[in-house]
Protein backbone atom coordinates (compact mmCIF):
# COMPACT_ATOMS: atom_id res chain seq x y z
CA UNK A 1 146.89 85.90 135.23
CA UNK A 2 149.81 83.53 135.84
CA UNK A 3 147.99 81.99 138.77
CA UNK A 4 144.85 81.29 136.75
CA UNK A 5 146.70 79.57 133.91
CA UNK A 6 148.86 77.59 136.32
CA UNK A 7 145.80 76.37 138.22
CA UNK A 8 144.19 75.33 134.93
CA UNK A 9 147.26 73.34 133.92
CA UNK A 10 147.47 71.62 137.29
CA UNK A 11 143.79 70.67 137.14
CA UNK A 12 144.20 69.17 133.67
CA UNK A 13 147.20 67.19 134.89
CA UNK A 14 145.34 65.92 137.93
CA UNK A 15 142.43 64.88 135.75
CA UNK A 16 144.73 62.97 133.40
CA UNK A 17 146.31 61.08 136.28
CA UNK A 18 142.98 60.30 137.94
CA UNK A 19 141.35 58.76 134.85
CA UNK A 20 143.96 56.03 134.51
CA UNK A 21 146.36 57.20 131.81
CA UNK A 22 149.36 55.05 130.93
CA UNK A 23 152.81 55.84 132.30
CA UNK A 24 153.88 57.26 128.93
CA UNK A 25 150.84 59.51 128.77
CA UNK A 26 151.46 60.74 132.31
CA UNK A 27 155.12 61.39 131.50
CA UNK A 28 154.30 63.39 128.37
CA UNK A 29 151.45 65.21 130.09
CA UNK A 30 153.64 66.09 133.05
CA UNK A 31 156.39 67.35 130.75
CA UNK A 32 153.92 69.49 128.79
CA UNK A 33 152.35 70.96 131.90
CA UNK A 34 155.71 71.52 133.60
CA UNK A 35 157.25 73.06 130.51
CA UNK A 36 154.37 75.44 129.90
CA UNK A 37 154.08 76.58 133.49
CA UNK A 38 157.87 76.84 133.86
CA UNK A 39 158.07 79.00 130.74
CA UNK A 40 155.33 81.33 131.97
CA UNK A 41 156.91 81.75 135.38
CA UNK A 42 160.43 82.05 133.93
CA UNK A 43 159.27 84.73 131.49
CA UNK A 44 157.67 86.72 134.28
CA UNK A 45 160.83 86.55 136.37
CA UNK A 46 163.65 86.76 133.83
CA UNK A 47 162.28 87.60 130.39
CA UNK A 48 163.03 85.47 127.34
CA UNK A 49 166.06 83.74 128.85
CA UNK A 50 164.07 82.91 131.95
CA UNK A 51 161.30 81.45 129.81
CA UNK A 52 163.72 79.08 128.09
CA UNK A 53 165.36 77.95 131.33
CA UNK A 54 162.02 77.68 133.13
CA UNK A 55 160.46 75.75 130.26
CA UNK A 56 163.26 73.19 130.08
CA UNK A 57 163.48 72.81 133.85
CA UNK A 58 159.72 72.55 134.20
CA UNK A 59 159.49 69.95 131.45
CA UNK A 60 162.16 67.76 133.06
CA UNK A 61 160.59 68.02 136.51
CA UNK A 62 157.05 67.53 135.20
CA UNK A 63 158.06 64.50 133.16
CA UNK A 64 159.77 62.92 136.16
CA UNK A 65 156.80 63.56 138.45
CA UNK A 66 154.30 62.35 135.86
CA UNK A 67 156.26 59.15 135.29
CA UNK A 68 156.89 58.23 138.91
CA UNK A 69 153.79 59.43 140.74
């Protein structure tokens, strides 16, 4: 279940980048995708606390990747 939702999020992110979104849109999209997937994985590993940490960490990493790549 986690794998299916993570693959869906990655595909949406790849589509957004490939259609020529602006840097701001890529940054926000990357942060949203990273935050959601980080929260799902963090929840599976560490419960509610893991979801919060994973969500924040994923959002920061996703925003950075979306902005710079």
